[in-house]
Full PDB file with SEQRES, HELIX, SHEET, SSBOND, CRYST1, ORIGX, SCALE, CONECT and MASTER records, all heavy atoms in Angstrom:
SEQRES   1 A   36  GLN LEU PHE VAL SER PHE LYS LEU LYS GLY ASP LEU LEU          
SEQRES   2 A   36  LYS ILE ASN ILE GLU ASP ASP GLY ILE GLY PHE ASP GLU          
SEQRES   3 A   36  GLN LYS VAL LYS LYS GLY ASN GLY LEU ASP                      
SHEET    1 AA1 2 LEU A   2  LYS A   9  0                                        
SHEET    2 AA1 2 LEU A  12  ASP A  19 -1                                        
CRYST1    1.000    1.000    1.000  90.00  90.00  90.00 P 1           1          
ORIGX1      1.000000  0.000000  0.000000        0.00000                         
ORIGX2      0.000000  1.000000  0.000000        0.00000                         
ORIGX3      0.000000  0.000000  1.000000        0.00000                         
SCALE1      1.000000  0.000000  0.000000        0.00000                         
SCALE2      0.000000  1.000000  0.000000        0.00000                         
SCALE3      0.000000  0.000000  1.000000        0.00000                         
ATOM      1  N   GLN A   1       0.830  -1.198   0.000  1.00  0.00           N  
ATOM      2  CA  GLN A   1       0.000   0.000   0.000  1.00  0.00           C  
ATOM      3  C   GLN A   1       0.869   1.255   0.000  1.00  0.00           C  
ATOM      4  O   GLN A   1       1.982   1.252   0.537  1.00  0.00           O  
ATOM      5  CB  GLN A   1      -0.906   0.010   1.213  1.00  0.00           C  
ATOM      6  CG  GLN A   1      -1.923  -1.102   1.194  1.00  0.00           C  
ATOM      7  CD  GLN A   1      -2.890  -1.003   2.353  1.00  0.00           C  
ATOM      8  OE1 GLN A   1      -2.890  -0.053   3.119  1.00  0.00           O  
ATOM      9  NE2 GLN A   1      -3.744  -2.001   2.491  1.00  0.00           N  
ATOM     10  N   LEU A   2       0.324   2.308  -0.569  1.00  0.00           N  
ATOM     11  CA  LEU A   2       0.960   3.620  -0.597  1.00  0.00           C  
ATOM     12  C   LEU A   2      -0.015   4.610   0.014  1.00  0.00           C  
ATOM     13  O   LEU A   2      -1.203   4.604  -0.319  1.00  0.00           O  
ATOM     14  CB  LEU A   2       1.279   4.033  -2.036  1.00  0.00           C  
ATOM     15  CG  LEU A   2       1.864   5.430  -2.217  1.00  0.00           C  
ATOM     16  CD1 LEU A   2       3.284   5.468  -1.665  1.00  0.00           C  
ATOM     17  CD2 LEU A   2       1.849   5.817  -3.675  1.00  0.00           C  
ATOM     18  N   PHE A   3       0.477   5.428   0.927  1.00  0.00           N  
ATOM     19  CA  PHE A   3      -0.352   6.438   1.586  1.00  0.00           C  
ATOM     20  C   PHE A   3       0.214   7.812   1.262  1.00  0.00           C  
ATOM     21  O   PHE A   3       1.414   8.034   1.378  1.00  0.00           O  
ATOM     22  CB  PHE A   3      -0.329   6.234   3.105  1.00  0.00           C  
ATOM     23  CG  PHE A   3      -0.713   4.849   3.522  1.00  0.00           C  
ATOM     24  CD1 PHE A   3       0.245   3.871   3.712  1.00  0.00           C  
ATOM     25  CD2 PHE A   3      -2.049   4.517   3.711  1.00  0.00           C  
ATOM     26  CE1 PHE A   3      -0.100   2.585   4.093  1.00  0.00           C  
ATOM     27  CE2 PHE A   3      -2.408   3.231   4.084  1.00  0.00           C  
ATOM     28  CZ  PHE A   3      -1.434   2.260   4.271  1.00  0.00           C  
ATOM     29  N   VAL A   4      -0.661   8.734   0.870  1.00  0.00           N  
ATOM     30  CA  VAL A   4      -0.255  10.095   0.540  1.00  0.00           C  
ATOM     31  C   VAL A   4      -1.178  11.046   1.289  1.00  0.00           C  
ATOM     32  O   VAL A   4      -2.400  10.878   1.264  1.00  0.00           O  
ATOM     33  CB  VAL A   4      -0.349  10.371  -0.976  1.00  0.00           C  
ATOM     34  CG1 VAL A   4       0.075  11.795  -1.297  1.00  0.00           C  
ATOM     35  CG2 VAL A   4       0.497   9.374  -1.759  1.00  0.00           C  
ATOM     36  N   SER A   5      -0.588  12.042   1.962  1.00  0.00           N  
ATOM     37  CA  SER A   5      -1.426  13.033   2.631  1.00  0.00           C  
ATOM     38  C   SER A   5      -0.831  14.418   2.428  1.00  0.00           C  
ATOM     39  O   SER A   5       0.383  14.587   2.300  1.00  0.00           O  
ATOM     40  CB  SER A   5      -1.569  12.728   4.124  1.00  0.00           C  
ATOM     41  OG  SER A   5      -0.332  12.866   4.788  1.00  0.00           O  
ATOM     42  N   PHE A   6      -1.715  15.383   2.375  1.00  0.00           N  
ATOM     43  CA  PHE A   6      -1.349  16.789   2.258  1.00  0.00           C  
ATOM     44  C   PHE A   6      -2.017  17.512   3.416  1.00  0.00           C  
ATOM     45  O   PHE A   6      -3.224  17.358   3.615  1.00  0.00           O  
ATOM     46  CB  PHE A   6      -1.871  17.388   0.944  1.00  0.00           C  
ATOM     47  CG  PHE A   6      -1.322  16.739  -0.287  1.00  0.00           C  
ATOM     48  CD1 PHE A   6      -1.919  15.607  -0.823  1.00  0.00           C  
ATOM     49  CD2 PHE A   6      -0.207  17.268  -0.913  1.00  0.00           C  
ATOM     50  CE1 PHE A   6      -1.422  15.006  -1.960  1.00  0.00           C  
ATOM     51  CE2 PHE A   6       0.297  16.672  -2.055  1.00  0.00           C  
ATOM     52  CZ  PHE A   6      -0.316  15.542  -2.587  1.00  0.00           C  
ATOM     53  N   LYS A   7      -1.243  18.281   4.166  1.00  0.00           N  
ATOM     54  CA  LYS A   7      -1.812  19.049   5.271  1.00  0.00           C  
ATOM     55  C   LYS A   7      -1.332  20.491   5.156  1.00  0.00           C  
ATOM     56  O   LYS A   7      -0.146  20.746   4.979  1.00  0.00           O  
ATOM     57  CB  LYS A   7      -1.395  18.470   6.620  1.00  0.00           C  
ATOM     58  CG  LYS A   7      -1.973  17.098   6.883  1.00  0.00           C  
ATOM     59  CD  LYS A   7      -1.598  16.584   8.240  1.00  0.00           C  
ATOM     60  CE  LYS A   7      -2.182  15.187   8.418  1.00  0.00           C  
ATOM     61  NZ  LYS A   7      -1.805  14.581   9.690  1.00  0.00           N  
ATOM     62  N   LEU A   8      -2.280  21.400   5.261  1.00  0.00           N  
ATOM     63  CA  LEU A   8      -1.962  22.821   5.219  1.00  0.00           C  
ATOM     64  C   LEU A   8      -2.398  23.430   6.538  1.00  0.00           C  
ATOM     65  O   LEU A   8      -3.565  23.355   6.914  1.00  0.00           O  
ATOM     66  CB  LEU A   8      -2.691  23.502   4.054  1.00  0.00           C  
ATOM     67  CG  LEU A   8      -2.409  24.985   3.853  1.00  0.00           C  
ATOM     68  CD1 LEU A   8      -0.932  25.221   3.563  1.00  0.00           C  
ATOM     69  CD2 LEU A   8      -3.262  25.534   2.717  1.00  0.00           C  
ATOM     70  N   LYS A   9      -1.440  23.996   7.257  1.00  0.00           N  
ATOM     71  CA  LYS A   9      -1.725  24.660   8.525  1.00  0.00           C  
ATOM     72  C   LYS A   9      -1.106  26.048   8.434  1.00  0.00           C  
ATOM     73  O   LYS A   9       0.125  26.183   8.449  1.00  0.00           O  
ATOM     74  CB  LYS A   9      -1.148  23.876   9.696  1.00  0.00           C  
ATOM     75  CG  LYS A   9      -1.521  24.432  11.043  1.00  0.00           C  
ATOM     76  CD  LYS A   9      -1.078  23.526  12.163  1.00  0.00           C  
ATOM     77  CE  LYS A   9      -1.551  24.100  13.494  1.00  0.00           C  
ATOM     78  NZ  LYS A   9      -1.122  23.251  14.613  1.00  0.00           N  
ATOM     79  N   GLY A  10      -1.965  27.038   8.316  1.00  0.00           N  
ATOM     80  CA  GLY A  10      -1.461  28.398   8.095  1.00  0.00           C  
ATOM     81  C   GLY A  10      -0.747  28.450   6.758  1.00  0.00           C  
ATOM     82  O   GLY A  10      -1.323  28.121   5.729  1.00  0.00           O  
ATOM     83  N   ASP A  11       0.523  28.832   6.790  1.00  0.00           N  
ATOM     84  CA  ASP A  11       1.292  28.905   5.543  1.00  0.00           C  
ATOM     85  C   ASP A  11       2.286  27.747   5.414  1.00  0.00           C  
ATOM     86  O   ASP A  11       3.194  27.790   4.601  1.00  0.00           O  
ATOM     87  CB  ASP A  11       2.018  30.243   5.436  1.00  0.00           C  
ATOM     88  CG  ASP A  11       3.018  30.467   6.568  1.00  0.00           C  
ATOM     89  OD1 ASP A  11       3.081  29.645   7.486  1.00  0.00           O  
ATOM     90  OD2 ASP A  11       3.740  31.486   6.511  1.00  0.00           O  
ATOM     91  N   LEU A  12       2.085  26.680   6.196  1.00  0.00           N  
ATOM     92  CA  LEU A  12       2.983  25.531   6.171  1.00  0.00           C  
ATOM     93  C   LEU A  12       2.293  24.322   5.533  1.00  0.00           C  
ATOM     94  O   LEU A  12       1.238  23.873   5.989  1.00  0.00           O  
ATOM     95  CB  LEU A  12       3.409  25.187   7.594  1.00  0.00           C  
ATOM     96  CG  LEU A  12       4.671  24.356   7.749  1.00  0.00           C  
ATOM     97  CD1 LEU A  12       5.875  25.080   7.165  1.00  0.00           C  
ATOM     98  CD2 LEU A  12       4.915  24.044   9.204  1.00  0.00           C  
ATOM     99  N   LEU A  13       2.880  23.826   4.455  1.00  0.00           N  
ATOM    100  CA  LEU A  13       2.353  22.669   3.749  1.00  0.00           C  
ATOM    101  C   LEU A  13       3.223  21.461   4.075  1.00  0.00           C  
ATOM    102  O   LEU A  13       4.448  21.524   3.970  1.00  0.00           O  
ATOM    103  CB  LEU A  13       2.357  22.902   2.238  1.00  0.00           C  
ATOM    104  CG  LEU A  13       1.970  21.713   1.357  1.00  0.00           C  
ATOM    105  CD1 LEU A  13       0.520  21.300   1.598  1.00  0.00           C  
ATOM    106  CD2 LEU A  13       2.210  22.029  -0.109  1.00  0.00           C  
ATOM    107  N   LYS A  14       2.571  20.362   4.470  1.00  0.00           N  
ATOM    108  CA  LYS A  14       3.275  19.110   4.730  1.00  0.00           C  
ATOM    109  C   LYS A  14       2.746  18.055   3.773  1.00  0.00           C  
ATOM    110  O   LYS A  14       1.539  17.812   3.715  1.00  0.00           O  
ATOM    111  CB  LYS A  14       3.070  18.637   6.167  1.00  0.00           C  
ATOM    112  CG  LYS A  14       3.756  19.504   7.181  1.00  0.00           C  
ATOM    113  CD  LYS A  14       3.619  18.923   8.573  1.00  0.00           C  
ATOM    114  CE  LYS A  14       4.358  19.798   9.573  1.00  0.00           C  
ATOM    115  NZ  LYS A  14       4.348  19.205  10.925  1.00  0.00           N  
ATOM    116  N   ILE A  15       3.653  17.473   3.017  1.00  0.00           N  
ATOM    117  CA  ILE A  15       3.308  16.395   2.104  1.00  0.00           C  
ATOM    118  C   ILE A  15       3.989  15.134   2.627  1.00  0.00           C  
ATOM    119  O   ILE A  15       5.214  15.102   2.768  1.00  0.00           O  
ATOM    120  CB  ILE A  15       3.769  16.699   0.667  1.00  0.00           C  
ATOM    121  CG1 ILE A  15       3.145  18.009   0.174  1.00  0.00           C  
ATOM    122  CG2 ILE A  15       3.431  15.533  -0.254  1.00  0.00           C  
ATOM    123  CD1 ILE A  15       3.692  18.489  -1.155  1.00  0.00           C  
ATOM    124  N   ASN A  16       3.199  14.132   2.915  1.00  0.00           N  
ATOM    125  CA  ASN A  16       3.717  12.884   3.462  1.00  0.00           C  
ATOM    126  C   ASN A  16       3.395  11.744   2.498  1.00  0.00           C  
ATOM    127  O   ASN A  16       2.247  11.574   2.098  1.00  0.00           O  
ATOM    128  CB  ASN A  16       3.092  12.607   4.824  1.00  0.00           C  
ATOM    129  CG  ASN A  16       3.659  11.371   5.473  1.00  0.00           C  
ATOM    130  OD1 ASN A  16       4.857  11.274   5.694  1.00  0.00           O  
ATOM    131  ND2 ASN A  16       2.800  10.425   5.787  1.00  0.00           N  
ATOM    132  N   ILE A  17       4.411  10.987   2.136  1.00  0.00           N  
ATOM    133  CA  ILE A  17       4.240   9.827   1.258  1.00  0.00           C  
ATOM    134  C   ILE A  17       4.905   8.653   1.961  1.00  0.00           C  
ATOM    135  O   ILE A  17       6.071   8.739   2.346  1.00  0.00           O  
ATOM    136  CB  ILE A  17       4.897  10.054  -0.115  1.00  0.00           C  
ATOM    137  CG1 ILE A  17       4.324  11.317  -0.771  1.00  0.00           C  
ATOM    138  CG2 ILE A  17       4.718   8.826  -1.005  1.00  0.00           C  
ATOM    139  CD1 ILE A  17       5.105  11.781  -1.980  1.00  0.00           C  
ATOM    140  N   GLU A  18       4.151   7.585   2.164  1.00  0.00           N  
ATOM    141  CA  GLU A  18       4.745   6.423   2.815  1.00  0.00           C  
ATOM    142  C   GLU A  18       4.167   5.139   2.255  1.00  0.00           C  
ATOM    143  O   GLU A  18       3.071   5.123   1.715  1.00  0.00           O  
ATOM    144  CB  GLU A  18       4.602   6.481   4.321  1.00  0.00           C  
ATOM    145  CG  GLU A  18       3.208   6.593   4.851  1.00  0.00           C  
ATOM    146  CD  GLU A  18       3.194   6.790   6.362  1.00  0.00           C  
ATOM    147  OE1 GLU A  18       3.590   5.848   7.082  1.00  0.00           O  
ATOM    148  OE2 GLU A  18       2.795   7.872   6.803  1.00  0.00           O  
ATOM    149  N   ASP A  19       4.953   4.084   2.378  1.00  0.00           N  
ATOM    150  CA  ASP A  19       4.496   2.786   1.908  1.00  0.00           C  
ATOM    151  C   ASP A  19       4.844   1.714   2.936  1.00  0.00           C  
ATOM    152  O   ASP A  19       5.521   1.980   3.924  1.00  0.00           O  
ATOM    153  CB  ASP A  19       5.086   2.440   0.533  1.00  0.00           C  
ATOM    154  CG  ASP A  19       6.596   2.234   0.553  1.00  0.00           C  
ATOM    155  OD1 ASP A  19       7.160   1.848   1.598  1.00  0.00           O  
ATOM    156  OD2 ASP A  19       7.225   2.433  -0.492  1.00  0.00           O  
ATOM    157  N   ASP A  20       4.357   0.539   2.686  1.00  0.00           N  
ATOM    158  CA  ASP A  20       4.658  -0.585   3.564  1.00  0.00           C  
ATOM    159  C   ASP A  20       5.495  -1.623   2.819  1.00  0.00           C  
ATOM    160  O   ASP A  20       5.378  -2.811   3.033  1.00  0.00           O  
ATOM    161  CB  ASP A  20       3.370  -1.197   4.130  1.00  0.00           C  
ATOM    162  CG  ASP A  20       2.454  -1.738   3.056  1.00  0.00           C  
ATOM    163  OD1 ASP A  20       2.732  -1.528   1.850  1.00  0.00           O  
ATOM    164  OD2 ASP A  20       1.451  -2.376   3.392  1.00  0.00           O  
ATOM    165  N   GLY A  21       6.371  -1.117   1.951  1.00  0.00           N  
ATOM    166  CA  GLY A  21       7.193  -1.986   1.117  1.00  0.00           C  
ATOM    167  C   GLY A  21       8.431  -2.505   1.826  1.00  0.00           C  
ATOM    168  O   GLY A  21       8.496  -2.576   3.053  1.00  0.00           O  
ATOM    169  N   ILE A  22       9.445  -2.810   1.033  1.00  0.00           N  
ATOM    170  CA  ILE A  22      10.647  -3.440   1.572  1.00  0.00           C  
ATOM    171  C   ILE A  22      11.631  -2.449   2.186  1.00  0.00           C  
ATOM    172  O   ILE A  22      12.537  -2.843   2.904  1.00  0.00           O  
ATOM    173  CB  ILE A  22      11.372  -4.287   0.510  1.00  0.00           C  
ATOM    174  CG1 ILE A  22      11.835  -3.414  -0.656  1.00  0.00           C  
ATOM    175  CG2 ILE A  22      10.483  -5.430   0.044  1.00  0.00           C  
ATOM    176  CD1 ILE A  22      12.749  -4.104  -1.619  1.00  0.00           C  
ATOM    177  N   GLY A  23      11.465  -1.153   1.907  1.00  0.00           N  
ATOM    178  CA  GLY A  23      12.345  -0.141   2.477  1.00  0.00           C  
ATOM    179  C   GLY A  23      13.779  -0.276   2.002  1.00  0.00           C  
ATOM    180  O   GLY A  23      14.095  -1.085   1.132  1.00  0.00           O  
ATOM    181  N   PHE A  24      14.665   0.529   2.578  1.00  0.00           N  
ATOM    182  CA  PHE A  24      16.077   0.493   2.224  1.00  0.00           C  
ATOM    183  C   PHE A  24      16.873   1.177   3.320  1.00  0.00           C  
ATOM    184  O   PHE A  24      16.327   1.905   4.139  1.00  0.00           O  
ATOM    185  CB  PHE A  24      16.324   1.181   0.879  1.00  0.00           C  
ATOM    186  CG  PHE A  24      15.949   2.645   0.859  1.00  0.00           C  
ATOM    187  CD1 PHE A  24      16.884   3.623   1.144  1.00  0.00           C  
ATOM    188  CD2 PHE A  24      14.655   3.036   0.553  1.00  0.00           C  
ATOM    189  CE1 PHE A  24      16.537   4.969   1.131  1.00  0.00           C  
ATOM    190  CE2 PHE A  24      14.307   4.380   0.536  1.00  0.00           C  
ATOM    191  CZ  PHE A  24      15.251   5.342   0.831  1.00  0.00           C  
ATOM    192  N   ASP A  25      18.160   0.948   3.312  1.00  0.00           N  
ATOM    193  CA  ASP A  25      19.076   1.611   4.228  1.00  0.00           C  
ATOM    194  C   ASP A  25      19.729   2.744   3.453  1.00  0.00           C  
ATOM    195  O   ASP A  25      20.518   2.499   2.538  1.00  0.00           O  
ATOM    196  CB  ASP A  25      20.123   0.624   4.742  1.00  0.00           C  
ATOM    197  CG  ASP A  25      21.099   1.241   5.732  1.00  0.00           C  
ATOM    198  OD1 ASP A  25      21.198   2.489   5.794  1.00  0.00           O  
ATOM    199  OD2 ASP A  25      21.766   0.476   6.440  1.00  0.00           O  
ATOM    200  N   GLU A  26      19.392   3.983   3.777  1.00  0.00           N  
ATOM    201  CA  GLU A  26      19.874   5.132   3.013  1.00  0.00           C  
ATOM    202  C   GLU A  26      21.404   5.222   3.011  1.00  0.00           C  
ATOM    203  O   GLU A  26      21.995   5.717   2.068  1.00  0.00           O  
ATOM    204  CB  GLU A  26      19.278   6.432   3.569  1.00  0.00           C  
ATOM    205  CG  GLU A  26      19.533   7.618   2.666  1.00  0.00           C  
ATOM    206  CD  GLU A  26      18.834   8.888   3.111  1.00  0.00           C  
ATOM    207  OE1 GLU A  26      18.006   8.839   4.029  1.00  0.00           O  
ATOM    208  OE2 GLU A  26      19.142   9.934   2.524  1.00  0.00           O  
ATOM    209  N   GLN A  27      22.044   4.722   4.050  1.00  0.00           N  
ATOM    210  CA  GLN A  27      23.509   4.757   4.117  1.00  0.00           C  
ATOM    211  C   GLN A  27      24.146   3.732   3.177  1.00  0.00           C  
ATOM    212  O   GLN A  27      25.292   3.895   2.775  1.00  0.00           O  
ATOM    213  CB  GLN A  27      23.980   4.496   5.554  1.00  0.00           C  
ATOM    214  CG  GLN A  27      23.444   5.485   6.557  1.00  0.00           C  
ATOM    215  CD  GLN A  27      23.782   6.933   6.216  1.00  0.00           C  
ATOM    216  OE1 GLN A  27      24.903   7.238   5.854  1.00  0.00           O  
ATOM    217  NE2 GLN A  27      22.793   7.806   6.309  1.00  0.00           N  
ATOM    218  N   LYS A  28      23.396   2.702   2.808  1.00  0.00           N  
ATOM    219  CA  LYS A  28      23.954   1.638   1.976  1.00  0.00           C  
ATOM    220  C   LYS A  28      23.433   1.653   0.552  1.00  0.00           C  
ATOM    221  O   LYS A  28      23.937   0.919  -0.290  1.00  0.00           O  
ATOM    222  CB  LYS A  28      23.661   0.276   2.602  1.00  0.00           C  
ATOM    223  CG  LYS A  28      24.369   0.068   3.919  1.00  0.00           C  
ATOM    224  CD  LYS A  28      24.056  -1.299   4.486  1.00  0.00           C  
ATOM    225  CE  LYS A  28      24.761  -1.489   5.823  1.00  0.00           C  
ATOM    226  NZ  LYS A  28      24.443  -2.777   6.428  1.00  0.00           N  
ATOM    227  N   VAL A  29      22.420   2.459   0.293  1.00  0.00           N  
ATOM    228  CA  VAL A  29      21.819   2.471  -1.042  1.00  0.00           C  
ATOM    229  C   VAL A  29      22.816   3.059  -2.039  1.00  0.00           C  
ATOM    230  O   VAL A  29      23.614   3.940  -1.711  1.00  0.00           O  
ATOM    231  CB  VAL A  29      20.480   3.253  -1.047  1.00  0.00           C  
ATOM    232  CG1 VAL A  29      20.700   4.738  -0.908  1.00  0.00           C  
ATOM    233  CG2 VAL A  29      19.687   2.964  -2.295  1.00  0.00           C  
ATOM    234  N   LYS A  30      22.782   2.554  -3.262  1.00  0.00           N  
ATOM    235  CA  LYS A  30      23.661   3.042  -4.315  1.00  0.00           C  
ATOM    236  C   LYS A  30      23.403   4.523  -4.551  1.00  0.00           C  
ATOM    237  O   LYS A  30      22.264   4.934  -4.750  1.00  0.00           O  
ATOM    238  CB  LYS A  30      23.427   2.246  -5.599  1.00  0.00           C  
ATOM    239  CG  LYS A  30      24.286   2.697  -6.748  1.00  0.00           C  
ATOM    240  CD  LYS A  30      23.974   1.921  -8.016  1.00  0.00           C  
ATOM    241  CE  LYS A  30      24.751   2.494  -9.177  1.00  0.00           C  
ATOM    242  NZ  LYS A  30      24.349   1.909 -10.449  1.00  0.00           N  
ATOM    243  N   LYS A  31      24.436   5.304  -4.496  1.00  0.00           N  
ATOM    244  CA  LYS A  31      24.289   6.750  -4.695  1.00  0.00           C  
ATOM    245  C   LYS A  31      24.107   7.048  -6.177  1.00  0.00           C  
ATOM    246  O   LYS A  31      24.892   6.632  -7.015  1.00  0.00           O  
ATOM    247  CB  LYS A  31      25.499   7.512  -4.167  1.00  0.00           C  
ATOM    248  CG  LYS A  31      25.607   7.488  -2.663  1.00  0.00           C  
ATOM    249  CD  LYS A  31      24.467   8.243  -2.027  1.00  0.00           C  
ATOM    250  CE  LYS A  31      24.571   8.211  -0.522  1.00  0.00           C  
ATOM    251  NZ  LYS A  31      23.466   8.818   0.138  1.00  0.00           N  
ATOM    252  N   GLY A  32      23.055   7.756  -6.460  1.00  0.00           N  
ATOM    253  CA  GLY A  32      22.760   8.194  -7.811  1.00  0.00           C  
ATOM    254  C   GLY A  32      22.173   9.581  -7.706  1.00  0.00           C  
ATOM    255  O   GLY A  32      22.407  10.290  -6.729  1.00  0.00           O  
ATOM    256  N   ASN A  33      21.401   9.973  -8.657  1.00  0.00           N  
ATOM    257  CA  ASN A  33      20.811  11.306  -8.638  1.00  0.00           C  
ATOM    258  C   ASN A  33      19.493  11.370  -7.881  1.00  0.00           C  
ATOM    259  O   ASN A  33      19.072  12.437  -7.466  1.00  0.00           O  
ATOM    260  CB  ASN A  33      20.587  11.805 -10.067  1.00  0.00           C  
ATOM    261  CG  ASN A  33      21.879  12.137 -10.748  1.00  0.00           C  
ATOM    262  OD1 ASN A  33      22.825  12.581 -10.113  1.00  0.00           O  
ATOM    263  ND2 ASN A  33      21.953  11.899 -12.042  1.00  0.00           N  
ATOM    264  N   GLY A  34      18.839  10.264  -7.668  1.00  0.00           N  
ATOM    265  CA  GLY A  34      17.498  10.255  -7.087  1.00  0.00           C  
ATOM    266  C   GLY A  34      17.370  10.934  -5.740  1.00  0.00           C  
ATOM    267  O   GLY A  34      16.715  11.979  -5.617  1.00  0.00           O  
ATOM    268  N   LEU A  35      17.974  10.378  -4.696  1.00  0.00           N  
ATOM    269  CA  LEU A  35      17.838  10.943  -3.358  1.00  0.00           C  
ATOM    270  C   LEU A  35      18.498  12.313  -3.267  1.00  0.00           C  
ATOM    271  O   LEU A  35      17.942  13.239  -2.679  1.00  0.00           O  
ATOM    272  CB  LEU A  35      18.431  10.002  -2.313  1.00  0.00           C  
ATOM    273  CG  LEU A  35      17.709   8.666  -2.141  1.00  0.00           C  
ATOM    274  CD1 LEU A  35      18.464   7.785  -1.156  1.00  0.00           C  
ATOM    275  CD2 LEU A  35      16.285   8.876  -1.684  1.00  0.00           C  
ATOM    276  N   ASP A  36      19.684  12.444  -3.837  1.00  0.00           N  
ATOM    277  CA  ASP A  36      20.378  13.733  -3.794  1.00  0.00           C  
ATOM    278  C   ASP A  36      19.555  14.835  -4.461  1.00  0.00           C  
ATOM    279  O   ASP A  36      19.480  15.954  -3.956  1.00  0.00           O  
ATOM    280  CB  ASP A  36      21.753  13.634  -4.454  1.00  0.00           C  
ATOM    281  CG  ASP A  36      22.746  12.814  -3.640  1.00  0.00           C  
ATOM    282  OD1 ASP A  36      22.522  12.633  -2.423  1.00  0.00           O  
ATOM    283  OD2 ASP A  36      23.746  12.356  -4.219  1.00  0.00           O  
TER     284      ASP A  36                                                      
MASTER        0    0    0    0    2    0    0    6  283    1    0    3          
END                                                                             
């Protein structure tokens, strides 16, 4: 499943995207252009 939420409080917008997938270790993931 993928969950997406948008919350606006005053002038602050929070966009949250999360899943229940396999995840990853950001320190060990192959560095490319995506995360950077």
